[in-house]
Amino acid sequence: MKVSVYNDGEYTIRAITDRNAGNATEIESGEETIIEAEGVIELQEIDGNGDTPEPEHS
């Protein structure tokens, strides 16, 4: 499959395809990227330190 991902968030997004971290692509804020995968595409928002921020709870 091919998927277009646009990052309109504040932080960089890491896209991991087919559950293989070696297939990771980083998408900067304001950037659009076409991602190809056989099955699964996982998106992780990362902060400037390369860490995944904790989810906000209300």
C-alpha atoms as a PDB file:
ATOM      1  CA  MET A   1       0.000   0.000   0.000  1.00  0.00           C
ATOM      2  CA  LYS A   2       1.001   3.630  -0.456  1.00  0.00           C
ATOM      3  CA  VAL A   3      -0.042   6.271   2.059  1.00  0.00           C
ATOM      4  CA  SER A   4       0.458  10.021   2.033  1.00  0.00           C
ATOM      5  CA  VAL A   5       1.238  11.400   5.506  1.00  0.00           C
ATOM      6  CA  TYR A   6       1.218  15.135   6.268  1.00  0.00           C
ATOM      7  CA  ASN A   7       2.595  16.239   9.643  1.00  0.00           C
ATOM      8  CA  ASP A   8       0.648  19.276  10.811  1.00  0.00           C
ATOM      9  CA  GLY A   9       1.806  18.814  14.405  1.00  0.00           C
ATOM     10  CA  GLU A  10       4.454  20.549  16.485  1.00  0.00           C
ATOM     11  CA  TYR A  11       6.831  17.580  16.691  1.00  0.00           C
ATOM     12  CA  THR A  12       8.540  15.277  14.205  1.00  0.00           C
ATOM     13  CA  ILE A  13       6.744  12.011  13.412  1.00  0.00           C
ATOM     14  CA  ARG A  14       8.552   8.693  13.029  1.00  0.00           C
ATOM     15  CA  ALA A  15       6.835   6.329  10.580  1.00  0.00           C
ATOM     16  CA  ILE A  16       7.786   2.663  10.980  1.00  0.00           C
ATOM     17  CA  THR A  17       6.667   0.303   8.234  1.00  0.00           C
ATOM     18  CA  ASP A  18       5.911  -3.391   8.569  1.00  0.00           C
ATOM     19  CA  ARG A  19       7.029  -3.450  12.233  1.00  0.00           C
ATOM     20  CA  ASN A  20      10.691  -3.050  11.251  1.00  0.00           C
ATOM     21  CA  ALA A  21      12.474  -0.116  12.941  1.00  0.00           C
ATOM     22  CA  GLY A  22      15.066  -0.286  10.154  1.00  0.00           C
ATOM     23  CA  ASN A  23      12.325   0.979   7.829  1.00  0.00           C
ATOM     24  CA  ALA A  24      11.738   4.151   9.882  1.00  0.00           C
ATOM     25  CA  THR A  25      11.198   7.509   8.187  1.00  0.00           C
ATOM     26  CA  GLU A  26      11.114  10.822  10.058  1.00  0.00           C
ATOM     27  CA  ILE A  27       8.575  13.394   8.917  1.00  0.00           C
ATOM     28  CA  GLU A  28       9.246  16.960  10.058  1.00  0.00           C
ATOM     29  CA  SER A  29       6.488  19.391  11.037  1.00  0.00           C
ATOM     30  CA  GLY A  30       4.887  20.797   7.871  1.00  0.00           C
ATOM     31  CA  GLU A  31       6.278  18.023   5.664  1.00  0.00           C
ATOM     32  CA  GLU A  32       4.319  15.525   3.540  1.00  0.00           C
ATOM     33  CA  THR A  33       5.743  12.119   2.642  1.00  0.00           C
ATOM     34  CA  ILE A  34       4.577   9.099   0.664  1.00  0.00           C
ATOM     35  CA  ILE A  35       5.122   5.871   2.624  1.00  0.00           C
ATOM     36  CA  GLU A  36       4.977   2.379   1.131  1.00  0.00           C
ATOM     37  CA  ALA A  37       4.383  -0.758   3.211  1.00  0.00           C
ATOM     38  CA  GLU A  38       3.251  -4.334   2.813  1.00  0.00           C
ATOM     39  CA  GLY A  39       0.967  -4.222   5.863  1.00  0.00           C
ATOM     40  CA  VAL A  40       1.431  -2.031   8.960  1.00  0.00           C
ATOM     41  CA  ILE A  41       2.420   1.638   9.236  1.00  0.00           C
ATOM     42  CA  GLU A  42       3.032   2.863  12.802  1.00  0.00           C
ATOM     43  CA  LEU A  43       3.264   6.604  13.525  1.00  0.00           C
ATOM     44  CA  GLN A  44       5.072   7.916  16.616  1.00  0.00           C
ATOM     45  CA  GLU A  45       5.292  11.580  17.556  1.00  0.00           C
ATOM     46  CA  ILE A  46       8.777  12.408  18.862  1.00  0.00           C
ATOM     47  CA  ASP A  47      10.010  15.569  20.567  1.00  0.00           C
ATOM     48  CA  GLY A  48      13.238  17.446  19.829  1.00  0.00           C
ATOM     49  CA  ASN A  49      15.231  14.969  21.951  1.00  0.00           C
ATOM     50  CA  GLY A  50      14.102  11.954  19.915  1.00  0.00           C
ATOM     51  CA  ASP A  51      11.804  10.785  22.726  1.00  0.00           C
ATOM     52  CA  THR A  52       8.147   9.876  22.405  1.00  0.00           C
ATOM     53  CA  PRO A  53       6.203  12.413  24.545  1.00  0.00           C
ATOM     54  CA  GLU A  54       3.872  11.083  27.247  1.00  0.00           C
ATOM     55  CA  PRO A  55       0.180  11.323  26.324  1.00  0.00           C
ATOM     56  CA  GLU A  56      -1.728  14.136  28.021  1.00  0.00           C
ATOM     57  CA  HIS A  57      -4.457  13.037  30.425  1.00  0.00           C
ATOM     58  CA  SER A  58      -7.318  15.310  31.436  1.00  0.00           C
END
